[in-house]
PDB file of N, CA and C in Angstrom:
ATOM      1  N   MET A   1      96.237 -59.600 114.202  1.00  0.00           N
ATOM      2  CA  MET A   1      96.753 -58.873 113.057  1.00  0.00           C
ATOM      3  C   MET A   1      97.234 -57.498 113.512  1.00  0.00           C
ATOM      4  N   ARG A   2      98.336 -57.086 112.979  1.00  0.00           N
ATOM      5  CA  ARG A   2      98.917 -55.799 113.350  1.00  0.00           C
ATOM      6  C   ARG A   2      98.464 -54.705 112.404  1.00  0.00           C
ATOM      7  N   ASN A   3      98.237 -53.535 112.955  1.00  0.00           N
ATOM      8  CA  ASN A   3      97.872 -52.391 112.150  1.00  0.00           C
ATOM      9  C   ASN A   3      99.150 -51.666 111.737  1.00  0.00           C
ATOM     10  N   LEU A   4      99.395 -51.566 110.426  1.00  0.00           N
ATOM     11  CA  LEU A   4     100.641 -50.975 109.952  1.00  0.00           C
ATOM     12  C   LEU A   4     100.725 -49.489 110.293  1.00  0.00           C
ATOM     13  N   GLY A   5      99.602 -48.792 110.270  1.00  0.00           N
ATOM     14  CA  GLY A   5      99.604 -47.369 110.605  1.00  0.00           C
ATOM     15  C   GLY A   5     100.016 -47.131 112.044  1.00  0.00           C
ATOM     16  N   THR A   6      99.519 -47.960 112.945  1.00  0.00           N
ATOM     17  CA  THR A   6      99.860 -47.823 114.358  1.00  0.00           C
ATOM     18  C   THR A   6     101.346 -48.092 114.581  1.00  0.00           C
ATOM     19  N   LEU A   7     101.866 -49.119 113.940  1.00  0.00           N
ATOM     20  CA  LEU A   7     103.286 -49.424 114.084  1.00  0.00           C
ATOM     21  C   LEU A   7     104.153 -48.302 113.513  1.00  0.00           C
ATOM     22  N   PHE A   8     103.706 -47.699 112.416  1.00  0.00           N
ATOM     23  CA  PHE A   8     104.462 -46.595 111.828  1.00  0.00           C
ATOM     24  C   PHE A   8     104.484 -45.392 112.777  1.00  0.00           C
ATOM     25  N   VAL A   9     103.339 -45.092 113.385  1.00  0.00           N
ATOM     26  CA  VAL A   9     103.272 -43.965 114.323  1.00  0.00           C
ATOM     27  C   VAL A   9     104.142 -44.237 115.542  1.00  0.00           C
ATOM     28  N   LEU A  10     104.098 -45.452 116.083  1.00  0.00           N
ATOM     29  CA  LEU A  10     104.945 -45.792 117.231  1.00  0.00           C
ATOM     30  C   LEU A  10     106.424 -45.675 116.883  1.00  0.00           C
ATOM     31  N   ARG A  11     106.779 -46.143 115.701  1.00  0.00           N
ATOM     32  CA  ARG A  11     108.175 -46.075 115.260  1.00  0.00           C
ATOM     33  C   ARG A  11     108.622 -44.620 115.112  1.00  0.00           C
ATOM     34  N   LEU A  12     107.756 -43.798 114.547  1.00  0.00           N
ATOM     35  CA  LEU A  12     108.069 -42.381 114.384  1.00  0.00           C
ATOM     36  C   LEU A  12     108.235 -41.698 115.740  1.00  0.00           C
ATOM     37  N   LEU A  13     107.384 -42.029 116.699  1.00  0.00           N
ATOM     38  CA  LEU A  13     107.490 -41.455 118.040  1.00  0.00           C
ATOM     39  C   LEU A  13     108.770 -41.897 118.753  1.00  0.00           C
ATOM     40  N   LEU A  14     109.140 -43.153 118.599  1.00  0.00           N
ATOM     41  CA  LEU A  14     110.371 -43.641 119.224  1.00  0.00           C
ATOM     42  C   LEU A  14     111.594 -42.902 118.686  1.00  0.00           C
ATOM     43  N   VAL A  15     111.655 -42.746 117.369  1.00  0.00           N
ATOM     44  CA  VAL A  15     112.813 -42.081 116.764  1.00  0.00           C
ATOM     45  C   VAL A  15     112.847 -40.603 117.140  1.00  0.00           C
ATOM     46  N   SER A  16     111.693 -39.941 117.070  1.00  0.00           N
ATOM     47  CA  SER A  16     111.685 -38.506 117.378  1.00  0.00           C
ATOM     48  C   SER A  16     112.007 -38.256 118.854  1.00  0.00           C
ATOM     49  N   ASN A  17     111.487 -39.087 119.750  1.00  0.00           N
ATOM     50  CA  ASN A  17     111.807 -38.913 121.168  1.00  0.00           C
ATOM     51  C   ASN A  17     113.283 -39.204 121.442  1.00  0.00           C
ATOM     52  N   ALA A  18     113.860 -40.157 120.742  1.00  0.00           N
ATOM     53  CA  ALA A  18     115.292 -40.435 120.909  1.00  0.00           C
ATOM     54  C   ALA A  18     116.123 -39.236 120.453  1.00  0.00           C
ATOM     55  N   LEU A  19     115.724 -38.609 119.352  1.00  0.00           N
ATOM     56  CA  LEU A  19     116.443 -37.421 118.887  1.00  0.00           C
ATOM     57  C   LEU A  19     116.314 -36.269 119.874  1.00  0.00           C
ATOM     58  N   VAL A  20     115.121 -36.093 120.427  1.00  0.00           N
ATOM     59  CA  VAL A  20     114.918 -35.026 121.418  1.00  0.00           C
ATOM     60  C   VAL A  20     115.760 -35.285 122.667  1.00  0.00           C
ATOM     61  N   MET A  21     115.783 -36.523 123.134  1.00  0.00           N
ATOM     62  CA  MET A  21     116.572 -36.836 124.331  1.00  0.00           C
ATOM     63  C   MET A  21     118.069 -36.643 124.068  1.00  0.00           C
ATOM     64  N   THR A  22     118.517 -36.933 122.869  1.00  0.00           N
ATOM     65  CA  THR A  22     119.920 -36.710 122.515  1.00  0.00           C
ATOM     66  C   THR A  22     120.246 -35.214 122.550  1.00  0.00           C
ATOM     67  N   ALA A  23     119.342 -34.408 122.001  1.00  0.00           N
ATOM     68  CA  ALA A  23     119.552 -32.955 122.013  1.00  0.00           C
ATOM     69  C   ALA A  23     119.511 -32.391 123.427  1.00  0.00           C
ATOM     70  N   VAL A  24     118.576 -32.861 124.240  1.00  0.00           N
ATOM     71  CA  VAL A  24     118.491 -32.396 125.629  1.00  0.00           C
ATOM     72  C   VAL A  24     119.760 -32.772 126.391  1.00  0.00           C
ATOM     73  N   GLY A  25     120.279 -33.960 126.151  1.00  0.00           N
ATOM     74  CA  GLY A  25     121.524 -34.368 126.791  1.00  0.00           C
ATOM     75  C   GLY A  25     122.692 -33.479 126.385  1.00  0.00           C
ATOM     76  N   GLY A  26     122.756 -33.128 125.110  1.00  0.00           N
ATOM     77  CA  GLY A  26     123.819 -32.231 124.646  1.00  0.00           C
ATOM     78  C   GLY A  26     123.706 -30.843 125.247  1.00  0.00           C
ATOM     79  N   ILE A  27     122.481 -30.331 125.337  1.00  0.00           N
ATOM     80  CA  ILE A  27     122.269 -29.017 125.945  1.00  0.00           C
ATOM     81  C   ILE A  27     122.613 -29.054 127.432  1.00  0.00           C
ATOM     82  N   ALA A  28     122.208 -30.116 128.116  1.00  0.00           N
ATOM     83  CA  ALA A  28     122.526 -30.234 129.543  1.00  0.00           C
ATOM     84  C   ALA A  28     124.034 -30.311 129.760  1.00  0.00           C
ATOM     85  N   LEU A  29     124.718 -31.030 128.891  1.00  0.00           N
ATOM     86  CA  LEU A  29     126.168 -31.147 129.022  1.00  0.00           C
ATOM     87  C   LEU A  29     126.847 -29.794 128.809  1.00  0.00           C
ATOM     88  N   ALA A  30     126.291 -28.991 127.892  1.00  0.00           N
ATOM     89  CA  ALA A  30     126.917 -27.714 127.567  1.00  0.00           C
ATOM     90  C   ALA A  30     126.606 -26.615 128.580  1.00  0.00           C
ATOM     91  N   PHE A  31     125.400 -26.600 129.133  1.00  0.00           N
ATOM     92  CA  PHE A  31     124.978 -25.438 129.907  1.00  0.00           C
ATOM     93  C   PHE A  31     124.718 -25.682 131.392  1.00  0.00           C
ATOM     94  N   VAL A  32     124.699 -26.924 131.841  1.00  0.00           N
ATOM     95  CA  VAL A  32     124.471 -27.199 133.263  1.00  0.00           C
ATOM     96  C   VAL A  32     125.826 -27.405 133.920  1.00  0.00           C
ATOM     97  N   GLU A  33     125.918 -27.081 135.206  1.00  0.00           N
ATOM     98  CA  GLU A  33     127.184 -27.239 135.922  1.00  0.00           C
ATOM     99  C   GLU A  33     127.731 -28.649 135.761  1.00  0.00           C
ATOM    100  N   ARG A  34     129.037 -28.788 135.825  1.00  0.00           N
ATOM    101  CA  ARG A  34     129.723 -30.020 135.444  1.00  0.00           C
ATOM    102  C   ARG A  34     129.208 -31.307 136.076  1.00  0.00           C
ATOM    103  N   PRO A  35     129.161 -31.483 137.349  1.00  0.00           N
ATOM    104  CA  PRO A  35     128.767 -32.822 137.804  1.00  0.00           C
ATOM    105  C   PRO A  35     127.324 -33.162 137.450  1.00  0.00           C
ATOM    106  N   ALA A  36     126.431 -32.209 137.623  1.00  0.00           N
ATOM    107  CA  ALA A  36     125.017 -32.468 137.350  1.00  0.00           C
ATOM    108  C   ALA A  36     124.759 -32.588 135.846  1.00  0.00           C
ATOM    109  N   GLY A  37     125.434 -31.760 135.066  1.00  0.00           N
ATOM    110  CA  GLY A  37     125.241 -31.790 133.616  1.00  0.00           C
ATOM    111  C   GLY A  37     125.655 -33.109 132.991  1.00  0.00           C
ATOM    112  N   VAL A  38     126.742 -33.661 133.475  1.00  0.00           N
ATOM    113  CA  VAL A  38     127.220 -34.944 132.949  1.00  0.00           C
ATOM    114  C   VAL A  38     126.247 -36.062 133.310  1.00  0.00           C
ATOM    115  N   ILE A  39     125.726 -36.028 134.528  1.00  0.00           N
ATOM    116  CA  ILE A  39     124.779 -37.068 134.959  1.00  0.00           C
ATOM    117  C   ILE A  39     123.476 -36.969 134.172  1.00  0.00           C
ATOM    118  N   ILE A  40     122.982 -35.746 133.990  1.00  0.00           N
ATOM    119  CA  ILE A  40     121.744 -35.555 133.236  1.00  0.00           C
ATOM    120  C   ILE A  40     121.946 -35.977 131.779  1.00  0.00           C
ATOM    121  N   ALA A  41     123.069 -35.585 131.184  1.00  0.00           N
ATOM    122  CA  ALA A  41     123.348 -35.949 129.793  1.00  0.00           C
ATOM    123  C   ALA A  41     123.458 -37.463 129.636  1.00  0.00           C
ATOM    124  N   ALA A  42     124.134 -38.113 130.570  1.00  0.00           N
ATOM    125  CA  ALA A  42     124.268 -39.574 130.490  1.00  0.00           C
ATOM    126  C   ALA A  42     122.906 -40.244 130.607  1.00  0.00           C
ATOM    127  N   GLY A  43     122.072 -39.750 131.505  1.00  0.00           N
ATOM    128  CA  GLY A  43     120.720 -40.313 131.643  1.00  0.00           C
ATOM    129  C   GLY A  43     119.890 -40.129 130.389  1.00  0.00           C
ATOM    130  N   CYS A  44     119.983 -38.953 129.778  1.00  0.00           N
ATOM    131  CA  CYS A  44     119.238 -38.701 128.540  1.00  0.00           C
ATOM    132  C   CYS A  44     119.725 -39.601 127.414  1.00  0.00           C
ATOM    133  N   TRP A  45     121.026 -39.779 127.329  1.00  0.00           N
ATOM    134  CA  TRP A  45     121.570 -40.604 126.252  1.00  0.00           C
ATOM    135  C   TRP A  45     121.267 -42.088 126.457  1.00  0.00           C
ATOM    136  N   VAL A  46     121.246 -42.534 127.693  1.00  0.00           N
ATOM    137  CA  VAL A  46     120.860 -43.921 127.975  1.00  0.00           C
ATOM    138  C   VAL A  46     119.398 -44.136 127.597  1.00  0.00           C
ATOM    139  N   LEU A  47     118.544 -43.182 127.939  1.00  0.00           N
ATOM    140  CA  LEU A  47     117.137 -43.285 127.579  1.00  0.00           C
ATOM    141  C   LEU A  47     116.948 -43.276 126.063  1.00  0.00           C
ATOM    142  N   ALA A  48     117.728 -42.471 125.359  1.00  0.00           N
ATOM    143  CA  ALA A  48     117.654 -42.456 123.896  1.00  0.00           C
ATOM    144  C   ALA A  48     118.068 -43.808 123.319  1.00  0.00           C
ATOM    145  N   CYS A  49     119.094 -44.429 123.893  1.00  0.00           N
ATOM    146  CA  CYS A  49     119.511 -45.762 123.420  1.00  0.00           C
ATOM    147  C   CYS A  49     118.436 -46.808 123.693  1.00  0.00           C
ATOM    148  N   VAL A  50     117.779 -46.722 124.833  1.00  0.00           N
ATOM    149  CA  VAL A  50     116.700 -47.658 125.150  1.00  0.00           C
ATOM    150  C   VAL A  50     115.558 -47.498 124.150  1.00  0.00           C
ATOM    151  N   LEU A  51     115.216 -46.263 123.830  1.00  0.00           N
ATOM    152  CA  LEU A  51     114.150 -46.023 122.859  1.00  0.00           C
ATOM    153  C   LEU A  51     114.513 -46.586 121.489  1.00  0.00           C
ATOM    154  N   LEU A  52     115.770 -46.429 121.090  1.00  0.00           N
ATOM    155  CA  LEU A  52     116.187 -46.968 119.797  1.00  0.00           C
ATOM    156  C   LEU A  52     116.258 -48.496 119.818  1.00  0.00           C
ATOM    157  N   CYS A  53     116.525 -49.075 120.967  1.00  0.00           N
ATOM    158  CA  CYS A  53     116.538 -50.539 121.076  1.00  0.00           C
ATOM    159  C   CYS A  53     115.129 -51.132 120.967  1.00  0.00           C
ATOM    160  N   LEU A  54     114.121 -50.326 121.205  1.00  0.00           N
ATOM    161  CA  LEU A  54     112.739 -50.792 121.078  1.00  0.00           C
ATOM    162  C   LEU A  54     112.242 -50.777 119.631  1.00  0.00           C
ATOM    163  N   LEU A  55     113.004 -50.200 118.729  1.00  0.00           N
ATOM    164  CA  LEU A  55     112.572 -50.114 117.331  1.00  0.00           C
ATOM    165  C   LEU A  55     112.275 -51.469 116.680  1.00  0.00           C
ATOM    166  N   PRO A  56     113.065 -52.517 116.902  1.00  0.00           N
ATOM    167  CA  PRO A  56     112.742 -53.790 116.255  1.00  0.00           C
ATOM    168  C   PRO A  56     111.373 -54.353 116.649  1.00  0.00           C
ATOM    169  N   LEU A  57     110.861 -53.968 117.793  1.00  0.00           N
ATOM    170  CA  LEU A  57     109.541 -54.450 118.198  1.00  0.00           C
ATOM    171  C   LEU A  57     108.413 -53.823 117.389  1.00  0.00           C
ATOM    172  N   THR A  58     108.694 -52.738 116.693  1.00  0.00           N
ATOM    173  CA  THR A  58     107.674 -52.083 115.880  1.00  0.00           C
ATOM    174  C   THR A  58     107.848 -52.368 114.396  1.00  0.00           C
ATOM    175  N   ASP A  59     108.655 -53.357 114.066  1.00  0.00           N
ATOM    176  CA  ASP A  59     108.858 -53.725 112.661  1.00  0.00           C
ATOM    177  C   ASP A  59     107.592 -54.381 112.124  1.00  0.00           C
ATOM    178  N   PRO A  60     106.961 -53.799 111.106  1.00  0.00           N
ATOM    179  CA  PRO A  60     105.700 -54.365 110.615  1.00  0.00           C
ATOM    180  C   PRO A  60     105.871 -55.701 109.901  1.00  0.00           C
ATOM    181  N   TYR A  61     107.071 -56.018 109.465  1.00  0.00           N
ATOM    182  CA  TYR A  61     107.291 -57.264 108.724  1.00  0.00           C
ATOM    183  C   TYR A  61     107.902 -58.355 109.594  1.00  0.00           C
ATOM    184  N   ARG A  62     107.991 -58.111 110.903  1.00  0.00           N
ATOM    185  CA  ARG A  62     108.543 -59.100 111.828  1.00  0.00           C
ATOM    186  C   ARG A  62     107.525 -60.212 112.025  1.00  0.00           C
ATOM    187  N   ARG A  63     108.002 -61.437 111.980  1.00  0.00           N
ATOM    188  CA  ARG A  63     107.113 -62.576 112.202  1.00  0.00           C
ATOM    189  C   ARG A  63     106.987 -62.844 113.693  1.00  0.00           C
ATOM    190  N   PRO A  64     105.783 -63.092 114.164  1.00  0.00           N
ATOM    191  CA  PRO A  64     105.639 -63.407 115.597  1.00  0.00           C
ATOM    192  C   PRO A  64     106.281 -64.754 115.907  1.00  0.00           C
ATOM    193  N   ARG A  65     106.823 -64.880 117.117  1.00  0.00           N
ATOM    194  CA  ARG A  65     107.452 -66.138 117.520  1.00  0.00           C
ATOM    195  C   ARG A  65     106.389 -67.200 117.712  1.00  0.00           C
ATOM    196  N   ARG A  66     106.738 -68.418 117.297  1.00  0.00           N
ATOM    197  CA  ARG A  66     105.821 -69.539 117.494  1.00  0.00           C
ATOM    198  C   ARG A  66     106.170 -70.260 118.767  1.00  0.00           C
ATOM    199  N   ARG A  67     105.163 -70.756 119.436  1.00  0.00           N
ATOM    200  CA  ARG A  67     105.413 -71.516 120.648  1.00  0.00           C
ATOM    201  C   ARG A  67     105.873 -72.913 120.296  1.00  0.00           C
ATOM    202  N   ALA A  68     106.636 -73.505 121.183  1.00  0.00           N
ATOM    203  CA  ALA A  68     107.137 -74.854 120.974  1.00  0.00           C
ATOM    204  C   ALA A  68     105.960 -75.838 121.046  1.00  0.00           C
ATOM    205  N   SER A  69     106.008 -76.836 120.241  1.00  0.00           N
ATOM    206  CA  SER A  69     104.947 -77.837 120.216  1.00  0.00           C
ATOM    207  C   SER A  69     104.991 -78.697 121.478  1.00  0.00           C
ATOM    208  N   THR A  70     103.820 -79.037 122.006  1.00  0.00           N
ATOM    209  CA  THR A  70     103.745 -79.860 123.217  1.00  0.00           C
ATOM    210  C   THR A  70     103.298 -81.288 122.912  1.00  0.00           C
ATOM    211  N   GLU A  71     103.389 -81.698 121.651  1.00  0.00           N
ATOM    212  CA  GLU A  71     102.927 -83.039 121.268  1.00  0.00           C
ATOM    213  C   GLU A  71     103.849 -84.126 121.805  1.00  0.00           C
ATOM    214  N   GLY A  72     105.120 -83.889 121.957  1.00  0.00           N
ATOM    215  CA  GLY A  72     106.071 -84.917 122.359  1.00  0.00           C
ATOM    216  C   GLY A  72     106.052 -85.210 123.862  1.00  0.00           C
ATOM    217  N   GLN A  73     105.260 -84.527 124.636  1.00  0.00           N
ATOM    218  CA  GLN A  73     105.300 -84.720 126.092  1.00  0.00           C
ATOM    219  C   GLN A  73     104.289 -85.702 126.559  1.00  0.00           C
TER     220      GLN A  73
END
């Protein structure tokens, strides 16, 4: 059984960290020298996208996958 409070906290942390990484990427792009700033910003934005892609795993109403039946073998 899943704890809804835990999933809510994880979801909140994922979203807030994605927002922070987006802001850090924007600041790096604006204030760090060009080649390094672009690389740092791209890395931050990729990490923010990865964090947002993990959001469906914290959906409290998601049904767990069922394993395939082994009766026919």
